Amino acid sequence: MIQRIQSLYLLLAGIISGGLTFVFNLWSTVKTNVFSLDLFAANSIMEKIVPILFMVSALLAIVTIFLFKNRKLQFVFGRLNILTNLFLLGVLVYLSLTLSGETAVSEKGIGMFLPVIIIVLLVLANKAIKKDEDLVKSVDRLR
């Protein structure tokens, strides 16, 4: 059913991944603030992949909401989304450690922390999906 708690978790993960990444900056230097959308114009492929991974994560979260009739597939999509966000987190950590111009003052933005929030929401959603699946299995045993 679409009104379950995992749908709320997945919707929040989709909104954060799809919308808030363009609101909060990833890092800021003395001259500019760097947002996720700005990385499409970057030189390296590692920087160009960040907004793509954010959009893939949002798309997976939204698609997972509508798979409520097939809880096993919904669980698999949730795990795939967690792996996508872990990869995204690794790319962001790598970029923050090899950021050019580190001699100038730069600050990491809240956008670097968003994949962690998304991972927590996806883990909570998968936990609720697993709970629903166990409930259905226990009712099937009684029949």
Protein backbone atom coordinates (compact mmCIF):
# COMPACT_ATOMS: atom_id res chain seq x y z
CA MET A 1 0.00 0.00 0.00
CA ILE A 2 1.21 3.44 -0.84
CA GLN A 3 0.31 4.99 2.54
CA ARG A 4 2.86 2.95 4.50
CA ILE A 5 5.71 4.54 6.45
CA GLN A 6 8.32 3.28 3.97
CA SER A 7 6.64 5.36 1.28
CA LEU A 8 7.16 8.45 3.42
CA TYR A 9 10.84 7.56 3.94
CA LEU A 10 11.31 6.95 0.23
CA LEU A 11 9.53 10.17 -0.69
CA LEU A 12 11.76 12.14 1.68
CA ALA A 13 14.84 10.46 0.21
CA GLY A 14 13.67 11.32 -3.30
CA ILE A 15 12.97 14.95 -2.39
CA ILE A 16 16.33 15.36 -0.68
CA SER A 17 18.22 13.68 -3.49
CA GLY A 18 16.35 15.34 -6.32
CA GLY A 19 15.62 18.78 -5.00
CA LEU A 20 17.75 19.81 -2.07
CA THR A 21 21.03 19.03 -3.80
CA PHE A 22 20.47 22.05 -6.01
CA VAL A 23 19.64 24.28 -3.03
CA PHE A 24 22.55 23.50 -0.70
CA ASN A 25 26.12 23.98 -1.85
CA LEU A 26 28.66 21.17 -1.86
CA TRP A 27 31.59 23.40 -1.01
CA SER A 28 32.47 27.05 -1.16
CA THR A 29 35.70 28.85 -1.87
CA VAL A 30 36.59 32.48 -1.43
CA LYS A 31 35.20 33.32 -4.88
CA THR A 32 32.20 31.03 -5.43
CA ASN A 33 29.79 28.51 -4.01
CA VAL A 34 29.79 25.20 -5.87
CA PHE A 35 26.41 23.52 -6.27
CA SER A 36 25.66 20.10 -7.70
CA LEU A 37 24.40 21.53 -11.00
CA ASP A 38 27.64 23.52 -11.44
CA LEU A 39 29.62 20.28 -11.67
CA PHE A 40 28.27 19.51 -15.16
CA ALA A 41 30.64 22.21 -16.47
CA ALA A 42 33.64 20.70 -14.65
CA ASN A 43 36.65 19.23 -16.39
CA SER A 44 36.94 15.84 -14.73
CA ILE A 45 34.52 12.95 -15.09
CA MET A 46 34.49 12.44 -11.30
CA GLU A 47 32.92 15.86 -10.86
CA LYS A 48 30.41 15.35 -13.67
CA ILE A 49 29.15 12.11 -12.16
CA VAL A 50 27.98 13.74 -8.88
CA PRO A 51 24.76 15.38 -10.20
CA ILE A 52 24.03 12.27 -12.28
CA LEU A 53 24.25 10.06 -9.18
CA PHE A 54 21.99 12.43 -7.25
CA MET A 55 19.37 12.20 -10.01
CA VAL A 56 19.69 8.39 -10.26
CA SER A 57 19.18 8.18 -6.51
CA ALA A 58 16.07 10.36 -6.69
CA LEU A 59 14.67 8.35 -9.58
CA LEU A 60 15.28 5.04 -7.79
CA ALA A 61 13.56 6.33 -4.64
CA ILE A 62 10.49 7.51 -6.55
CA VAL A 63 10.25 4.28 -8.59
CA THR A 64 10.62 2.22 -5.41
CA ILE A 65 7.54 3.88 -3.92
CA PHE A 66 5.34 2.51 -6.69
CA LEU A 67 6.61 -1.06 -6.33
CA PHE A 68 4.52 -1.61 -3.20
CA LYS A 69 2.84 -4.71 -4.67
CA ASN A 70 6.19 -6.47 -5.03
CA ARG A 71 7.93 -6.01 -1.68
CA LYS A 72 10.94 -8.15 -2.60
CA LEU A 73 11.70 -6.01 -5.66
CA GLN A 74 11.06 -2.89 -3.58
CA PHE A 75 13.63 -4.14 -1.06
CA VAL A 76 16.17 -4.82 -3.83
CA PHE A 77 15.67 -1.35 -5.31
CA GLY A 78 16.18 0.11 -1.83
CA ARG A 79 19.47 -1.73 -1.47
CA LEU A 80 20.55 -0.63 -4.95
CA ASN A 81 19.77 2.95 -3.99
CA ILE A 82 21.81 2.58 -0.79
CA LEU A 83 24.77 1.33 -2.85
CA THR A 84 24.34 4.26 -5.26
CA ASN A 85 24.43 6.70 -2.37
CA LEU A 86 27.46 5.00 -0.80
CA PHE A 87 29.27 5.36 -4.13
CA LEU A 88 28.16 9.00 -4.29
CA LEU A 89 29.42 9.57 -0.77
CA GLY A 90 32.77 8.04 -1.73
CA VAL A 91 33.02 10.30 -4.78
CA LEU A 92 32.20 13.36 -2.69
CA VAL A 93 34.81 12.43 -0.07
CA TYR A 94 37.38 11.89 -2.82
CA LEU A 95 36.53 15.24 -4.38
CA SER A 96 36.74 17.02 -1.05
CA LEU A 97 40.15 15.53 -0.34
CA THR A 98 41.55 16.37 -3.79
CA LEU A 99 39.83 19.72 -4.16
CA SER A 100 41.98 22.09 -6.18
CA GLY A 101 42.81 25.40 -4.60
CA GLU A 102 42.85 24.07 -1.06
CA THR A 103 45.46 26.65 -0.14
CA ALA A 104 42.67 29.21 -0.31
CA VAL A 105 40.05 29.11 2.41
CA SER A 106 37.27 26.70 1.50
CA GLU A 107 34.38 25.25 3.44
CA LYS A 108 32.50 22.04 2.91
CA GLY A 109 28.79 22.67 2.52
CA ILE A 110 25.74 20.82 3.78
CA GLY A 111 25.43 19.19 0.36
CA MET A 112 28.30 16.86 1.28
CA PHE A 113 26.19 15.50 4.14
CA LEU A 114 23.02 14.85 2.11
CA PRO A 115 23.97 11.30 0.97
CA VAL A 116 24.32 10.27 4.63
CA ILE A 117 20.79 11.52 5.37
CA ILE A 118 19.49 9.73 2.28
CA ILE A 119 21.19 6.47 3.31
CA VAL A 120 19.60 6.66 6.78
CA LEU A 121 16.15 7.21 5.24
CA LEU A 122 16.65 4.30 2.83
CA VAL A 123 17.75 1.98 5.63
CA LEU A 124 14.64 2.91 7.61
CA ALA A 125 12.49 2.28 4.53
CA ASN A 126 14.08 -1.13 3.94
CA LYS A 127 13.56 -2.01 7.59
CA ALA A 128 9.84 -1.17 7.26
CA ILE A 129 9.59 -3.15 4.01
CA LYS A 130 11.19 -6.16 5.70
CA LYS A 131 8.77 -5.82 8.60
CA ASP A 132 5.81 -5.85 6.19
CA GLU A 133 7.18 -8.88 4.38
CA ASP A 134 7.62 -10.76 7.66
CA LEU A 135 4.05 -9.87 8.65
CA VAL A 136 2.67 -11.23 5.39
CA LYS A 137 4.71 -14.42 5.77
CA SER A 138 3.42 -14.96 9.31
CA VAL A 139 -0.19 -14.54 8.17
CA ASP A 140 0.40 -16.99 5.30
CA ARG A 141 1.60 -19.60 7.78
CA LEU A 142 -1.68 -19.42 9.63
CA ARG A 143 -3.75 -20.20 6.54
